[in-house]
Every structure is written in structure tokens, then in C-alpha cells.
């Protein structure tokens, strides 16, 4: 079982920036996909971005493309989400997740962090 711990959330004004971190432990991650999801009040959880642990190929949702950047430090087993030009609609609990490719159909997101709150004021 993989343990994931998010940090870096907080309160920021619109137009500002935050960097979220996700520290992973409990396994090896060379074959994993790591990702960020978020859930705003009254909304369903949505996909934000993902990265292949080995190789670094990324996927990013259109709602944050050009503003958010995902990255990872293999030596530290840590994933990051750099969030720039933040908007009030980015306010949500942000979750770190780890998964494995299902095959040709997608990713099984098996392990989740507790989440970190990001609040963007207008």
C-alpha cells in the first residue's frame, strides 16, 4: 500500500501562485501514474493533471492548462503541482493519487492522500 501526504495548500489572492507537494512512500513507483484531483464545494471530484513516474509524460485538464504544471522529483519520491494565475473557481480540496494503467482503458487510482485545502479570494 502506498502512503501519500499532500502539503502546500492555503489562502491566496486571485492572480497569485501556490505549489502543492505530494510525498509518496511505501513502495516503488517506476510503473505508477501519479495525479492530482480536486473537489470544490457542491461539485464532483475532477481530474486536474497526471504524470508517469518513469518517463515524465503528462496529461492536464483543459480548465487549468497553461496555468498549472505538474512535475516530480524521483529521488525524493515527491510530486508537485505548480499553480499560477489562480482564480476563485480554483478553490477546492486538492488530492494526490497514485495508480496503475489498466491496459488500454485508463488508470486504476488505488491510493489517495487526505487532501489539502486551496482557497483563492477575489
N, C-alpha and C. Protein backbone atom coordinates (compact mmCIF):
# COMPACT_ATOMS: atom_id res chain seq x y z
N UNK A 1 0.83 -1.17 0.00
CA UNK A 1 0.00 0.00 0.00
C UNK A 1 0.88 1.25 0.00
N UNK A 2 0.49 2.22 -0.81
CA UNK A 2 1.23 3.46 -0.95
C UNK A 2 0.61 4.50 -0.03
N UNK A 3 1.47 5.22 0.67
CA UNK A 3 1.02 6.33 1.50
C UNK A 3 1.35 7.65 0.81
N UNK A 4 0.38 8.56 0.79
CA UNK A 4 0.51 9.83 0.12
C UNK A 4 0.13 10.95 1.07
N UNK A 5 0.95 11.99 1.14
CA UNK A 5 0.70 13.11 2.02
C UNK A 5 0.86 14.40 1.23
N UNK A 6 -0.23 15.18 1.15
CA UNK A 6 -0.20 16.45 0.45
C UNK A 6 0.15 17.58 1.41
N UNK A 7 0.75 18.62 0.86
CA UNK A 7 1.02 19.83 1.62
C UNK A 7 1.10 21.00 0.66
N UNK A 8 1.07 22.21 1.20
CA UNK A 8 1.25 23.41 0.40
C UNK A 8 0.00 24.22 0.15
N UNK A 9 -1.15 23.72 0.58
CA UNK A 9 -2.38 24.47 0.40
C UNK A 9 -2.43 25.68 1.30
N UNK A 10 -3.39 26.55 1.03
CA UNK A 10 -3.55 27.74 1.83
C UNK A 10 -4.46 28.74 1.17
N UNK A 11 -4.42 29.96 1.67
CA UNK A 11 -5.23 31.06 1.17
C UNK A 11 -4.37 31.98 0.33
N UNK A 12 -4.84 32.29 -0.86
CA UNK A 12 -4.10 33.16 -1.77
C UNK A 12 -5.08 34.05 -2.52
N UNK A 13 -4.64 35.24 -2.88
CA UNK A 13 -5.48 36.14 -3.66
C UNK A 13 -5.50 35.74 -5.12
N UNK A 14 -6.57 36.11 -5.80
CA UNK A 14 -6.67 35.84 -7.23
C UNK A 14 -5.46 36.41 -7.96
N UNK A 15 -4.94 35.63 -8.89
CA UNK A 15 -3.74 36.01 -9.62
C UNK A 15 -2.46 35.53 -9.00
N UNK A 16 -2.53 35.02 -7.78
CA UNK A 16 -1.36 34.54 -7.08
C UNK A 16 -1.01 33.11 -7.44
N UNK A 17 -0.02 32.58 -6.73
CA UNK A 17 0.50 31.25 -7.01
C UNK A 17 0.66 30.43 -5.74
N UNK A 18 0.57 29.13 -5.90
CA UNK A 18 0.86 28.16 -4.85
C UNK A 18 1.53 26.95 -5.48
N UNK A 19 2.34 26.25 -4.70
CA UNK A 19 2.90 24.98 -5.13
C UNK A 19 2.51 23.90 -4.14
N UNK A 20 1.79 22.90 -4.62
CA UNK A 20 1.41 21.77 -3.80
C UNK A 20 2.45 20.67 -3.93
N UNK A 21 2.66 19.94 -2.84
CA UNK A 21 3.57 18.81 -2.83
C UNK A 21 2.85 17.55 -2.40
N UNK A 22 3.28 16.42 -2.93
CA UNK A 22 2.74 15.11 -2.56
C UNK A 22 3.91 14.19 -2.31
N UNK A 23 4.12 13.82 -1.06
CA UNK A 23 5.20 12.91 -0.69
C UNK A 23 4.67 11.49 -0.67
N UNK A 24 5.32 10.60 -1.41
CA UNK A 24 4.89 9.21 -1.55
C UNK A 24 5.87 8.28 -0.84
N UNK A 25 5.33 7.24 -0.22
CA UNK A 25 6.16 6.24 0.44
C UNK A 25 5.44 4.90 0.43
N UNK A 26 6.17 3.83 0.79
CA UNK A 26 5.56 2.53 0.93
C UNK A 26 5.68 1.62 -0.27
N UNK A 27 6.41 2.04 -1.29
CA UNK A 27 6.57 1.21 -2.46
C UNK A 27 7.53 1.81 -3.45
N UNK A 28 7.66 1.13 -4.56
CA UNK A 28 8.41 1.66 -5.69
C UNK A 28 7.43 2.19 -6.72
N UNK A 29 7.84 3.22 -7.43
CA UNK A 29 6.89 3.97 -8.25
C UNK A 29 7.24 4.04 -9.72
N UNK A 30 8.18 3.25 -10.16
CA UNK A 30 8.62 3.34 -11.54
C UNK A 30 7.52 2.99 -12.54
N UNK A 31 6.57 2.17 -12.15
CA UNK A 31 5.49 1.76 -13.04
C UNK A 31 4.17 2.48 -12.74
N UNK A 32 4.21 3.49 -11.90
CA UNK A 32 3.00 4.17 -11.46
C UNK A 32 2.68 5.40 -12.30
N UNK A 33 1.41 5.75 -12.28
CA UNK A 33 0.94 7.06 -12.70
C UNK A 33 0.57 7.83 -11.44
N UNK A 34 1.01 9.06 -11.35
CA UNK A 34 0.68 9.93 -10.22
C UNK A 34 -0.16 11.08 -10.73
N UNK A 35 -1.13 11.51 -9.92
CA UNK A 35 -2.01 12.56 -10.40
C UNK A 35 -2.57 13.43 -9.31
N UNK A 36 -3.14 14.54 -9.75
CA UNK A 36 -3.84 15.48 -8.88
C UNK A 36 -5.30 15.56 -9.28
N UNK A 37 -6.17 15.54 -8.29
CA UNK A 37 -7.60 15.75 -8.46
C UNK A 37 -8.03 16.88 -7.53
N UNK A 38 -9.22 17.43 -7.76
CA UNK A 38 -9.74 18.44 -6.86
C UNK A 38 -11.25 18.32 -6.75
N UNK A 39 -11.76 18.79 -5.62
CA UNK A 39 -13.19 18.78 -5.39
C UNK A 39 -13.60 20.09 -4.74
N UNK A 40 -14.41 20.86 -5.45
CA UNK A 40 -14.91 22.12 -4.95
C UNK A 40 -16.24 21.92 -4.24
N UNK A 41 -16.63 22.84 -3.36
CA UNK A 41 -17.91 22.71 -2.67
C UNK A 41 -19.07 22.57 -3.65
N UNK A 42 -19.89 21.55 -3.43
CA UNK A 42 -21.05 21.33 -4.27
C UNK A 42 -20.76 20.71 -5.62
N UNK A 43 -19.53 20.33 -5.88
CA UNK A 43 -19.17 19.74 -7.16
C UNK A 43 -18.54 18.36 -6.96
N UNK A 44 -18.53 17.59 -8.03
CA UNK A 44 -17.90 16.28 -8.01
C UNK A 44 -16.39 16.43 -8.16
N UNK A 45 -15.68 15.41 -7.71
CA UNK A 45 -14.23 15.40 -7.85
C UNK A 45 -13.86 15.38 -9.33
N UNK A 46 -12.88 16.19 -9.70
CA UNK A 46 -12.46 16.26 -11.08
C UNK A 46 -10.96 16.06 -11.23
N UNK A 47 -10.58 15.53 -12.36
CA UNK A 47 -9.19 15.32 -12.69
C UNK A 47 -8.52 16.65 -13.02
N UNK A 48 -7.30 16.83 -12.54
CA UNK A 48 -6.54 18.04 -12.80
C UNK A 48 -5.35 17.76 -13.71
N UNK A 49 -4.48 16.84 -13.29
CA UNK A 49 -3.27 16.57 -14.06
C UNK A 49 -2.65 15.26 -13.59
N UNK A 50 -1.85 14.64 -14.44
CA UNK A 50 -1.17 13.40 -14.09
C UNK A 50 0.20 13.34 -14.75
N UNK A 51 1.04 12.47 -14.22
CA UNK A 51 2.38 12.30 -14.75
C UNK A 51 2.80 10.85 -14.57
N UNK A 52 3.42 10.28 -15.59
CA UNK A 52 4.01 8.96 -15.46
C UNK A 52 5.30 9.08 -14.66
N UNK A 53 5.43 8.26 -13.60
CA UNK A 53 6.58 8.38 -12.73
C UNK A 53 7.89 8.16 -13.48
N UNK A 54 7.88 7.18 -14.34
CA UNK A 54 9.03 6.92 -15.20
C UNK A 54 8.73 7.45 -16.59
N UNK A 55 9.51 8.41 -17.01
CA UNK A 55 9.33 8.98 -18.33
C UNK A 55 8.81 10.40 -18.32
N UNK A 56 7.94 10.73 -17.36
CA UNK A 56 7.50 12.10 -17.18
C UNK A 56 6.44 12.59 -18.14
N UNK A 57 5.77 11.70 -18.86
CA UNK A 57 4.70 12.12 -19.76
C UNK A 57 3.53 12.64 -18.94
N UNK A 58 3.00 13.79 -19.32
CA UNK A 58 1.96 14.45 -18.54
C UNK A 58 0.65 14.58 -19.31
N UNK A 59 -0.43 14.69 -18.55
CA UNK A 59 -1.75 14.99 -19.07
C UNK A 59 -2.36 16.05 -18.16
N UNK A 60 -2.99 17.07 -18.74
CA UNK A 60 -3.53 18.17 -17.96
C UNK A 60 -4.92 18.52 -18.45
N UNK A 61 -5.82 18.77 -17.52
CA UNK A 61 -7.18 19.15 -17.86
C UNK A 61 -7.21 20.53 -18.52
N UNK A 62 -8.14 20.70 -19.45
CA UNK A 62 -8.24 21.95 -20.17
C UNK A 62 -8.52 23.15 -19.29
N UNK A 63 -9.20 22.94 -18.16
CA UNK A 63 -9.56 24.04 -17.28
C UNK A 63 -8.36 24.69 -16.61
N UNK A 64 -7.24 23.97 -16.52
CA UNK A 64 -6.06 24.51 -15.86
C UNK A 64 -4.85 24.56 -16.77
N UNK A 65 -4.98 24.07 -17.99
CA UNK A 65 -3.85 24.05 -18.92
C UNK A 65 -3.34 25.47 -19.15
N UNK A 66 -2.03 25.60 -19.09
CA UNK A 66 -1.41 26.91 -19.25
C UNK A 66 -1.22 27.64 -17.95
N UNK A 67 -1.87 27.20 -16.88
CA UNK A 67 -1.74 27.82 -15.57
C UNK A 67 -1.10 26.89 -14.55
N UNK A 68 -1.42 25.60 -14.62
CA UNK A 68 -0.89 24.61 -13.68
C UNK A 68 0.14 23.73 -14.38
N UNK A 69 1.18 23.36 -13.65
CA UNK A 69 2.22 22.49 -14.18
C UNK A 69 2.53 21.38 -13.18
N UNK A 70 2.49 20.14 -13.63
CA UNK A 70 2.80 19.00 -12.78
C UNK A 70 4.25 18.58 -13.01
N UNK A 71 4.89 18.13 -11.95
CA UNK A 71 6.26 17.65 -12.06
C UNK A 71 6.54 16.66 -10.93
N UNK A 72 7.68 16.00 -10.99
CA UNK A 72 8.06 15.10 -9.91
C UNK A 72 9.56 15.06 -9.74
N UNK A 73 9.98 14.74 -8.53
CA UNK A 73 11.38 14.54 -8.19
C UNK A 73 11.53 13.07 -7.82
N UNK A 74 12.12 12.29 -8.72
CA UNK A 74 12.23 10.85 -8.50
C UNK A 74 13.04 10.51 -7.24
N UNK A 75 14.11 11.25 -7.00
CA UNK A 75 14.96 10.97 -5.86
C UNK A 75 14.23 11.19 -4.54
N UNK A 76 13.32 12.15 -4.50
CA UNK A 76 12.60 12.48 -3.28
C UNK A 76 11.24 11.81 -3.18
N UNK A 77 10.85 11.06 -4.21
CA UNK A 77 9.52 10.45 -4.27
C UNK A 77 8.43 11.48 -3.99
N UNK A 78 8.57 12.62 -4.62
CA UNK A 78 7.66 13.73 -4.38
C UNK A 78 7.14 14.27 -5.71
N UNK A 79 5.84 14.55 -5.75
CA UNK A 79 5.19 15.14 -6.91
C UNK A 79 4.74 16.54 -6.55
N UNK A 80 4.73 17.42 -7.53
CA UNK A 80 4.38 18.82 -7.31
C UNK A 80 3.30 19.27 -8.28
N UNK A 81 2.54 20.25 -7.85
CA UNK A 81 1.61 20.95 -8.74
C UNK A 81 1.84 22.44 -8.55
N UNK A 82 2.48 23.06 -9.53
CA UNK A 82 2.69 24.49 -9.52
C UNK A 82 1.45 25.16 -10.10
N UNK A 83 0.80 26.01 -9.31
CA UNK A 83 -0.44 26.66 -9.70
C UNK A 83 -0.20 28.15 -9.79
N UNK A 84 -0.34 28.68 -10.99
CA UNK A 84 -0.17 30.10 -11.25
C UNK A 84 -1.47 30.71 -11.73
N UNK A 85 -1.55 32.03 -11.68
CA UNK A 85 -2.74 32.77 -12.14
C UNK A 85 -4.01 32.18 -11.55
N UNK A 86 -4.00 31.96 -10.26
CA UNK A 86 -5.12 31.31 -9.59
C UNK A 86 -6.38 32.16 -9.66
N UNK A 87 -7.50 31.48 -9.79
CA UNK A 87 -8.81 32.10 -9.88
C UNK A 87 -9.68 31.61 -8.73
N UNK A 88 -10.70 32.38 -8.35
CA UNK A 88 -11.60 31.91 -7.29
C UNK A 88 -12.21 30.54 -7.59
N UNK A 89 -12.47 30.23 -8.85
CA UNK A 89 -13.03 28.94 -9.19
C UNK A 89 -12.06 27.78 -9.02
N UNK A 90 -10.80 28.07 -8.73
CA UNK A 90 -9.83 27.03 -8.40
C UNK A 90 -9.94 26.58 -6.95
N UNK A 91 -10.74 27.27 -6.16
CA UNK A 91 -10.92 26.91 -4.76
C UNK A 91 -11.47 25.50 -4.65
N UNK A 92 -10.77 24.64 -3.91
CA UNK A 92 -11.15 23.24 -3.79
C UNK A 92 -10.21 22.55 -2.82
N UNK A 93 -10.58 21.33 -2.45
CA UNK A 93 -9.64 20.44 -1.79
C UNK A 93 -8.91 19.68 -2.88
N UNK A 94 -7.59 19.72 -2.83
CA UNK A 94 -6.77 19.07 -3.84
C UNK A 94 -6.22 17.76 -3.28
N UNK A 95 -6.38 16.69 -4.05
CA UNK A 95 -5.97 15.35 -3.64
C UNK A 95 -4.87 14.82 -4.54
N UNK A 96 -3.91 14.18 -3.93
CA UNK A 96 -2.88 13.44 -4.63
C UNK A 96 -3.31 11.98 -4.76
N UNK A 97 -3.02 11.36 -5.89
CA UNK A 97 -3.40 9.97 -6.11
C UNK A 97 -2.31 9.22 -6.86
N UNK A 98 -2.27 7.91 -6.64
CA UNK A 98 -1.34 7.03 -7.33
C UNK A 98 -2.10 5.88 -7.95
N UNK A 99 -1.72 5.49 -9.17
CA UNK A 99 -2.43 4.43 -9.84
C UNK A 99 -1.56 3.67 -10.82
N UNK A 100 -2.16 2.67 -11.41
CA UNK A 100 -1.52 1.84 -12.42
C UNK A 100 -2.40 1.79 -13.66
N UNK A 101 -1.76 1.71 -14.80
CA UNK A 101 -2.51 1.59 -16.04
C UNK A 101 -3.32 0.32 -16.05
N UNK A 102 -4.57 0.44 -16.45
CA UNK A 102 -5.49 -0.69 -16.54
C UNK A 102 -5.24 -1.51 -17.79
N UNK A 103 -4.63 -0.90 -18.77
CA UNK A 103 -4.39 -1.51 -20.06
C UNK A 103 -4.57 -0.44 -21.11
N UNK A 104 -5.61 -0.58 -21.90
CA UNK A 104 -5.94 0.43 -22.89
C UNK A 104 -7.11 1.31 -22.47
N UNK A 105 -7.67 1.05 -21.28
CA UNK A 105 -8.92 1.70 -20.89
C UNK A 105 -8.76 2.82 -19.87
N UNK A 106 -7.57 2.97 -19.29
CA UNK A 106 -7.40 4.04 -18.33
C UNK A 106 -6.49 3.67 -17.18
N UNK A 107 -6.73 4.30 -16.04
CA UNK A 107 -5.89 4.16 -14.86
C UNK A 107 -6.74 3.76 -13.67
N UNK A 108 -6.26 2.79 -12.91
CA UNK A 108 -6.86 2.45 -11.63
C UNK A 108 -6.20 3.30 -10.55
N UNK A 109 -6.93 4.27 -10.03
CA UNK A 109 -6.42 5.15 -8.97
C UNK A 109 -6.66 4.49 -7.63
N UNK A 110 -5.65 3.80 -7.11
CA UNK A 110 -5.80 2.93 -5.95
C UNK A 110 -5.50 3.60 -4.62
N UNK A 111 -4.64 4.59 -4.62
CA UNK A 111 -4.18 5.20 -3.38
C UNK A 111 -4.38 6.70 -3.43
N UNK A 112 -4.86 7.25 -2.29
CA UNK A 112 -5.20 8.67 -2.22
C UNK A 112 -4.65 9.30 -0.96
N UNK A 113 -4.28 10.56 -1.06
CA UNK A 113 -3.92 11.34 0.11
C UNK A 113 -5.16 11.90 0.78
N UNK A 114 -4.94 12.60 1.87
CA UNK A 114 -6.04 13.17 2.65
C UNK A 114 -6.57 14.47 2.07
N UNK A 115 -5.81 15.12 1.24
CA UNK A 115 -6.22 16.36 0.62
C UNK A 115 -5.66 17.58 1.32
N UNK A 116 -5.52 18.66 0.57
CA UNK A 116 -5.10 19.93 1.13
C UNK A 116 -5.98 21.03 0.55
N UNK A 117 -6.42 21.94 1.41
CA UNK A 117 -7.36 22.98 1.01
C UNK A 117 -6.64 24.13 0.31
N UNK A 118 -7.17 24.51 -0.84
CA UNK A 118 -6.71 25.69 -1.56
C UNK A 118 -7.89 26.65 -1.66
N UNK A 119 -7.71 27.85 -1.16
CA UNK A 119 -8.75 28.87 -1.21
C UNK A 119 -8.21 30.11 -1.92
N UNK A 120 -8.90 30.53 -2.97
CA UNK A 120 -8.50 31.69 -3.74
C UNK A 120 -9.54 32.78 -3.54
N UNK A 121 -9.13 33.91 -2.99
CA UNK A 121 -10.03 35.00 -2.72
C UNK A 121 -10.07 35.97 -3.89
N UNK A 122 -11.21 36.63 -4.06
CA UNK A 122 -11.38 37.59 -5.15
C UNK A 122 -10.92 38.97 -4.75
